[in-house]
N, C-alpha and C. Protein backbone atom coordinates (compact mmCIF):
# COMPACT_ATOMS: atom_id res chain seq x y z
N MET A 1 91.37 169.19 76.60
CA MET A 1 92.02 169.83 77.80
C MET A 1 91.57 170.35 79.01
N GLU A 2 90.61 171.38 78.72
CA GLU A 2 90.31 172.55 79.60
C GLU A 2 88.87 171.19 79.87
N GLU A 3 88.15 170.04 79.25
CA GLU A 3 87.18 169.47 79.60
C GLU A 3 87.70 168.49 80.57
N HIS A 4 88.56 168.10 80.09
CA HIS A 4 89.20 166.92 81.17
C HIS A 4 89.44 167.46 82.11
N MET A 5 89.49 168.46 82.23
CA MET A 5 90.32 169.41 84.03
C MET A 5 89.06 169.61 84.42
N GLN A 6 87.63 169.94 83.77
CA GLN A 6 86.32 170.03 84.38
C GLN A 6 85.98 169.26 84.82
N ASP A 7 85.95 167.97 83.92
CA ASP A 7 85.60 165.96 84.59
C ASP A 7 86.38 166.01 85.62
N HIS A 8 87.51 166.20 85.91
CA HIS A 8 88.50 165.91 86.82
C HIS A 8 88.29 166.29 88.12
N VAL A 9 87.67 167.74 88.16
CA VAL A 9 87.80 168.45 89.26
C VAL A 9 86.45 168.03 90.05
N SER A 10 85.37 168.37 88.31
CA SER A 10 84.11 167.93 89.07
C SER A 10 83.81 166.63 89.92
N ARG A 11 84.75 165.79 89.52
CA ARG A 11 84.89 163.78 90.35
C ARG A 11 85.28 164.45 91.39
N TRP A 12 86.11 164.87 91.48
CA TRP A 12 86.96 165.14 92.68
C TRP A 12 85.94 165.78 93.56
N GLN A 13 84.89 166.53 93.43
CA GLN A 13 84.17 167.96 94.56
C GLN A 13 83.29 166.57 94.96
N ARG A 14 83.04 165.54 93.49
CA ARG A 14 82.17 164.82 93.93
C ARG A 14 82.22 163.80 94.97
N ALA A 15 83.43 163.96 95.23
CA ALA A 15 84.41 162.47 95.65
C ALA A 15 84.11 162.98 97.54
N GLU A 16 84.65 164.38 97.18
CA GLU A 16 84.45 165.18 98.22
C GLU A 16 83.31 165.22 99.39
N ASN A 17 82.16 165.67 98.36
CA ASN A 17 81.15 165.78 98.90
C ASN A 17 80.73 164.50 99.75
N ALA A 18 80.31 163.68 98.99
CA ALA A 18 80.32 161.91 99.39
C ALA A 18 80.76 161.43 100.56
N LEU A 19 81.80 161.96 100.89
CA LEU A 19 82.29 161.76 102.09
C LEU A 19 82.18 162.49 103.23
N ILE A 20 81.67 163.66 102.86
CA ILE A 20 81.30 164.72 104.10
C ILE A 20 80.35 164.51 104.31
N ALA A 21 79.25 163.81 103.40
CA ALA A 21 77.69 162.84 103.74
C ALA A 21 77.62 161.66 104.45
N ILE A 22 78.59 161.23 104.22
CA ILE A 22 79.09 160.09 105.13
C ILE A 22 79.38 160.05 106.28
N GLY A 23 80.46 160.71 106.87
CA GLY A 23 80.80 161.62 107.55
C GLY A 23 80.56 162.79 108.20
N LEU A 24 79.04 163.18 108.24
CA LEU A 24 77.44 163.70 109.10
C LEU A 24 77.02 162.88 109.33
N LEU A 25 76.40 161.65 108.58
CA LEU A 25 76.26 160.64 109.14
C LEU A 25 76.25 159.62 110.19
N VAL A 26 78.01 159.90 110.13
CA VAL A 26 78.49 158.74 110.74
C VAL A 26 78.92 159.63 112.54
N ALA A 27 79.05 161.59 112.54
CA ALA A 27 78.86 161.92 113.23
C ALA A 27 77.90 161.46 114.31
N LEU A 28 76.52 162.10 113.25
CA LEU A 28 74.78 161.60 113.69
C LEU A 28 75.44 160.57 114.78
N VAL A 29 74.70 159.47 114.45
CA VAL A 29 75.17 157.69 115.09
C VAL A 29 76.44 158.30 116.43
N VAL A 30 77.24 158.41 116.57
CA VAL A 30 78.17 158.74 117.22
C VAL A 30 78.29 159.29 118.28
N TRP A 31 77.18 160.83 117.94
CA TRP A 31 76.91 161.35 118.48
C TRP A 31 75.36 160.90 119.84
N SER A 32 74.66 159.96 118.79
CA SER A 32 74.06 159.28 119.34
C SER A 32 72.78 160.80 118.99
N GLN A 33 72.12 160.66 118.12
CA GLN A 33 71.48 161.37 117.34
C GLN A 33 70.81 160.96 116.41
N LEU A 34 69.95 161.56 116.99
CA LEU A 34 67.91 160.87 115.21
C LEU A 34 69.08 160.60 113.80
N TRP A 35 69.84 159.81 113.31
CA TRP A 35 70.67 159.82 112.28
C TRP A 35 69.14 159.88 111.42
N TRP A 36 67.90 159.11 111.26
CA TRP A 36 66.97 159.13 110.09
C TRP A 36 66.33 160.63 110.11
N VAL A 37 66.39 161.38 110.96
CA VAL A 37 66.24 162.94 110.35
C VAL A 37 67.37 163.69 109.26
N LEU A 38 67.81 163.25 109.09
CA LEU A 38 68.18 163.33 107.54
C LEU A 38 68.06 162.79 106.81
N LEU A 39 67.29 161.52 106.43
CA LEU A 39 66.62 161.50 105.20
C LEU A 39 65.06 161.49 105.27
N LEU A 40 64.62 162.59 106.77
CA LEU A 40 63.42 162.81 107.00
C LEU A 40 63.40 163.98 105.96
N ALA A 41 64.36 164.68 106.53
CA ALA A 41 64.43 166.18 105.97
C ALA A 41 64.88 167.01 104.99
N PHE A 42 65.50 165.39 104.43
CA PHE A 42 66.33 165.79 102.82
C PHE A 42 65.50 166.73 101.70
N LEU A 43 63.90 166.61 102.07
CA LEU A 43 63.44 167.58 100.37
C LEU A 43 63.40 168.27 100.84
N ALA A 44 62.91 169.03 102.36
CA ALA A 44 62.71 169.92 102.81
C ALA A 44 63.11 171.18 101.88
N PHE A 45 65.11 170.83 101.57
CA PHE A 45 65.63 171.68 101.44
C PHE A 45 65.74 172.44 99.60
N ASP A 46 64.74 171.39 99.54
CA ASP A 46 64.71 171.34 98.31
C ASP A 46 63.36 172.10 97.38
N LEU A 47 62.59 172.73 98.73
CA LEU A 47 61.49 173.42 97.99
C LEU A 47 62.11 174.88 98.02
N SER A 48 63.78 175.34 97.89
CA SER A 48 64.09 176.03 97.34
C SER A 48 64.04 176.35 95.15
N ALA A 49 63.59 175.24 95.93
CA ALA A 49 63.70 175.13 93.78
C ALA A 49 62.45 175.52 93.19
N LEU A 50 61.49 175.68 94.33
CA LEU A 50 60.19 176.45 93.41
C LEU A 50 60.37 178.24 93.22
N GLY A 51 61.75 178.70 93.48
CA GLY A 51 62.06 180.36 92.69
C GLY A 51 61.25 179.18 91.01
N TYR A 52 62.16 178.68 90.86
CA TYR A 52 61.94 177.85 88.82
C TYR A 52 60.67 178.53 88.81
N LEU A 53 59.45 178.00 89.78
CA LEU A 53 58.73 178.86 88.69
C LEU A 53 58.27 180.25 88.14
N VAL A 54 59.13 181.03 89.14
CA VAL A 54 59.33 182.62 88.71
C VAL A 54 60.35 182.43 87.53
N ASN A 55 60.84 182.49 87.60
CA ASN A 55 62.18 182.43 86.10
C ASN A 55 63.15 181.67 86.55
N ASP A 56 64.12 181.43 85.57
CA ASP A 56 65.70 180.93 86.01
C ASP A 56 66.47 181.33 87.02
N ARG A 57 66.84 183.27 86.61
CA ARG A 57 67.45 183.68 88.20
C ARG A 57 66.98 183.30 88.90
N VAL A 58 65.37 183.81 89.62
CA VAL A 58 64.90 183.69 90.86
C VAL A 58 65.12 182.50 91.20
N GLY A 59 64.93 181.31 90.12
CA GLY A 59 65.61 179.94 91.04
C GLY A 59 66.60 179.88 91.11
N ALA A 60 67.15 179.91 90.09
CA ALA A 60 69.05 180.06 90.29
C ALA A 60 69.53 180.48 91.42
N PHE A 61 68.51 182.06 91.56
CA PHE A 61 69.07 182.34 92.98
C PHE A 61 68.23 181.57 94.69
N CYS A 62 67.24 181.58 94.32
CA CYS A 62 66.79 180.69 95.38
C CYS A 62 67.54 179.30 95.70
N TYR A 63 67.51 178.60 95.01
CA TYR A 63 68.53 177.71 95.12
C TYR A 63 69.99 177.50 95.44
N ASN A 64 70.71 178.34 95.20
CA ASN A 64 71.66 178.69 95.38
C ASN A 64 72.08 179.40 96.96
N LEU A 65 70.79 180.03 97.26
CA LEU A 65 71.08 180.22 98.51
C LEU A 65 71.04 179.27 99.64
N VAL A 66 69.93 178.59 98.88
CA VAL A 66 69.91 177.14 100.12
C VAL A 66 71.49 175.87 100.17
N HIS A 67 71.65 176.23 99.18
CA HIS A 67 72.17 174.65 98.75
C HIS A 67 74.03 175.07 98.34
N ASN A 68 73.97 175.50 99.61
CA ASN A 68 75.44 175.51 99.91
C ASN A 68 76.09 175.30 101.40
N TYR A 69 77.13 175.62 101.50
CA TYR A 69 77.91 175.90 103.52
C TYR A 69 77.63 176.52 104.07
N THR A 70 77.17 177.88 103.65
CA THR A 70 77.31 179.28 104.92
C THR A 70 76.42 178.49 105.60
N ALA A 71 74.76 179.24 105.80
CA ALA A 71 73.93 178.31 106.58
C ALA A 71 74.65 177.35 107.20
N PRO A 72 74.63 176.50 107.20
CA PRO A 72 74.78 174.88 108.56
C PRO A 72 76.38 175.65 109.25
N ALA A 73 77.61 176.57 108.41
CA ALA A 73 78.34 176.51 108.97
C ALA A 73 77.85 178.01 109.95
N VAL A 74 77.36 179.10 109.64
CA VAL A 74 76.48 179.56 111.52
C VAL A 74 75.90 178.91 112.07
N LEU A 75 74.62 177.94 111.74
CA LEU A 75 74.43 177.10 112.56
C LEU A 75 74.83 176.68 113.48
N ILE A 76 76.12 175.70 113.11
CA ILE A 76 77.61 175.32 114.18
C ILE A 76 77.59 176.85 114.98
N ILE A 77 78.17 177.54 114.76
CA ILE A 77 78.59 178.49 114.73
C ILE A 77 77.81 178.99 116.30
N VAL A 78 76.79 179.22 116.10
CA VAL A 78 75.84 179.75 116.48
C VAL A 78 75.37 179.13 118.19
N TRP A 79 75.06 177.60 117.04
CA TRP A 79 75.83 176.39 118.55
C TRP A 79 76.78 176.40 119.17
N ALA A 80 77.98 176.30 118.70
CA ALA A 80 79.45 176.47 119.43
C ALA A 80 78.91 177.99 120.64
N VAL A 81 78.15 178.78 119.68
CA VAL A 81 77.93 180.58 121.72
C VAL A 81 77.42 179.61 121.99
N THR A 82 76.11 179.14 121.83
CA THR A 82 75.25 178.76 122.82
C THR A 82 75.72 177.55 123.62
N HIS A 83 76.29 176.73 123.09
CA HIS A 83 77.27 175.97 124.07
C HIS A 83 78.20 175.95 125.39
N LEU A 84 78.56 177.59 124.74
CA LEU A 84 79.92 178.03 125.61
C LEU A 84 78.64 178.39 126.75
N SER A 85 77.54 179.19 126.05
CA SER A 85 77.25 179.90 127.44
C SER A 85 76.41 178.94 128.40
N ASP A 86 75.89 178.21 128.87
CA ASP A 86 75.94 176.88 128.71
C ASP A 86 74.30 176.78 128.74
N VAL A 87 74.26 176.80 127.66
CA VAL A 87 72.89 176.94 126.85
C VAL A 87 72.56 176.10 126.28
N SER A 88 71.58 175.10 126.05
CA SER A 88 71.10 173.60 125.55
C SER A 88 70.33 174.02 124.16
N ALA A 89 70.87 173.89 122.68
CA ALA A 89 70.52 173.60 121.77
C ALA A 89 71.13 173.06 120.75
N ASP A 90 71.29 171.79 120.73
CA ASP A 90 71.88 170.69 119.99
C ASP A 90 70.58 170.99 118.36
N TRP A 91 69.49 171.35 119.01
CA TRP A 91 68.70 170.90 117.79
C TRP A 91 69.16 171.72 116.67
N LEU A 92 70.06 172.81 116.86
CA LEU A 92 70.65 173.61 116.10
C LEU A 92 71.22 172.89 115.20
N MET A 93 72.44 172.08 115.72
CA MET A 93 73.24 171.43 115.63
C MET A 93 73.13 169.58 114.72
N LEU A 94 71.98 170.02 114.82
CA LEU A 94 70.64 169.06 114.62
C LEU A 94 70.47 168.99 112.81
N LEU A 95 70.14 170.70 112.89
CA LEU A 95 69.31 171.12 111.78
C LEU A 95 70.57 171.07 110.74
N ALA A 96 72.11 172.24 111.49
CA ALA A 96 73.04 172.46 110.53
C ALA A 96 73.59 171.04 109.94
N ALA A 97 73.47 169.57 110.38
CA ALA A 97 74.00 168.13 109.54
C ALA A 97 72.96 168.04 108.69
N CYS A 98 71.51 168.48 109.24
CA CYS A 98 70.60 167.70 108.35
C CYS A 98 70.60 168.72 106.99
N TRP A 99 71.05 170.60 106.69
CA TRP A 99 70.88 170.92 106.38
C TRP A 99 72.48 171.17 104.94
N GLY A 100 73.67 170.18 105.57
CA GLY A 100 75.05 169.93 105.34
C GLY A 100 75.22 169.00 104.60
N PHE A 101 74.52 167.91 105.12
CA PHE A 101 73.85 166.84 104.69
C PHE A 101 73.32 166.77 102.86
N HIS A 102 72.59 167.51 103.07
CA HIS A 102 71.74 167.41 101.70
C HIS A 102 72.93 167.94 100.67
N VAL A 103 73.04 169.10 101.56
CA VAL A 103 74.31 169.98 100.04
C VAL A 103 74.83 169.24 99.66
N ALA A 104 76.21 167.56 100.57
CA ALA A 104 77.30 167.55 100.36
C ALA A 104 76.17 165.89 99.60
N VAL A 105 75.19 165.67 99.56
CA VAL A 105 74.35 164.12 98.96
C VAL A 105 74.02 164.61 97.59
N ASP A 106 73.58 166.33 97.88
CA ASP A 106 73.63 166.42 96.20
C ASP A 106 74.65 166.91 95.20
N ARG A 107 75.97 167.69 95.51
CA ARG A 107 77.06 167.93 95.45
C ARG A 107 77.87 166.35 95.16
N ALA A 108 77.20 165.50 95.71
CA ALA A 108 78.00 163.78 95.70
C ALA A 108 76.95 163.32 94.23
N LEU A 109 75.91 163.95 93.68
CA LEU A 109 75.50 163.23 92.92
C LEU A 109 74.78 164.21 91.60
N GLY A 110 75.76 165.23 91.73
CA GLY A 110 76.40 166.32 90.68
C GLY A 110 75.52 167.60 90.51
N PHE A 111 74.33 167.70 90.86
CA PHE A 111 73.81 168.92 91.39
C PHE A 111 74.37 170.08 92.25
N GLY A 112 75.03 170.50 91.19
CA GLY A 112 76.05 171.34 92.10
C GLY A 112 75.35 172.96 91.59
N LEU A 113 75.47 174.36 92.04
CA LEU A 113 74.99 175.81 92.92
C LEU A 113 74.74 175.66 90.79
N LYS A 114 73.43 176.09 90.70
CA LYS A 114 72.60 176.67 89.16
C LYS A 114 73.37 178.11 88.67
N LEU A 115 73.71 178.26 87.66
CA LEU A 115 74.21 178.80 87.20
C LEU A 115 73.51 179.92 85.69
N GLY A 116 72.17 179.80 86.61
CA GLY A 116 70.43 179.74 85.40
C GLY A 116 69.49 178.35 85.94
N PRO A 117 69.78 177.91 84.03
CA PRO A 117 68.32 177.09 83.97
C PRO A 117 69.02 175.94 84.97
N PHE A 118 68.04 175.28 85.19
CA PHE A 118 68.27 173.94 86.57
C PHE A 118 69.69 173.09 86.09
N THR A 119 69.52 173.33 84.74
CA THR A 119 70.42 171.94 84.42
C THR A 119 71.94 172.10 84.27
N HIS A 120 72.13 173.48 84.53
CA HIS A 120 73.69 174.05 84.45
C HIS A 120 73.51 174.58 85.66
N THR A 121 75.54 174.23 85.29
CA THR A 121 75.67 174.01 87.58
C THR A 121 76.86 174.15 87.01
N HIS A 122 77.66 174.07 88.20
CA HIS A 122 78.84 174.83 88.55
C HIS A 122 79.92 173.43 87.63
N LEU A 123 79.02 172.55 89.03
CA LEU A 123 79.72 170.96 88.39
C LEU A 123 79.08 170.48 86.91
N GLY A 124 79.33 171.41 86.39
CA GLY A 124 78.79 170.94 85.15
C GLY A 124 77.25 170.49 84.23
N PRO A 125 76.83 170.15 83.44
CA PRO A 125 75.39 170.04 83.27
C PRO A 125 74.78 169.00 83.79
N ILE A 126 73.56 168.91 83.95
CA ILE A 126 72.99 167.84 84.38
C ILE A 126 72.24 167.62 83.61
N GLY A 127 71.06 166.01 83.89
CA GLY A 127 70.15 165.45 82.73
C GLY A 127 69.74 165.52 81.90
N LYS A 128 69.31 165.94 81.07
CA LYS A 128 68.97 165.73 79.05
C LYS A 128 70.57 166.81 79.05
N ALA A 129 70.37 168.07 78.96
CA ALA A 129 71.53 168.70 79.08
C ALA A 129 73.21 168.44 79.12
N GLN A 130 73.12 167.62 80.12
CA GLN A 130 74.78 166.91 80.12
C GLN A 130 74.59 165.78 78.96
N ARG A 131 73.66 164.70 78.82
CA ARG A 131 72.79 164.73 77.65
C ARG A 131 73.85 164.52 76.17
N GLU A 132 73.39 165.70 75.87
CA GLU A 132 72.73 166.64 74.87
C GLU A 132 74.38 167.03 74.91
N THR A 133 75.30 167.27 75.38
CA THR A 133 77.01 168.14 75.23
C THR A 133 77.69 166.94 75.61
N ARG A 134 77.56 165.70 75.32
CA ARG A 134 78.44 164.58 75.86
C ARG A 134 77.80 163.72 73.11
N HIS A 135 77.13 164.37 73.53
CA HIS A 135 76.72 163.85 72.07
C HIS A 135 76.80 164.91 70.80
N VAL A 136 77.31 165.75 71.44
CA VAL A 136 77.88 167.28 70.29
C VAL A 136 79.35 166.83 70.26
N GLU A 137 79.67 166.69 68.95
CA GLU A 137 80.55 166.76 67.99
C GLU A 137 82.14 167.78 68.24
N PRO A 138 83.18 167.21 68.13
CA PRO A 138 84.46 168.06 68.39
C PRO A 138 83.83 168.69 67.32
């Protein structure tokens, strides 16, 4: 029962994040921004996974530091403050959109926050770890 509920929550979060990614893409198009920058910058945020070259703990810390919505939210706040001060810093909003888009797409694909090893996330196991847990008999 608990595993079924976890699967339901995971699917809900994945769908929710897919809508966030689509919303960011649509917002950039409507805002007449360079929407393709979302795709161009997409892999840059995955450089945070290089922490896994040190060990699982450092890797998870570095990955989680970048793969959440905190920094994009802070960038939006800073953009708003600069905008209210009549300072043009639209690049902050574009960076926040790129960052948020990356996090949203990753979550929509099931790549959640890391719980140590790269394959263990808050959305459940991924890759080979996911296939192994599905084949385990109760």
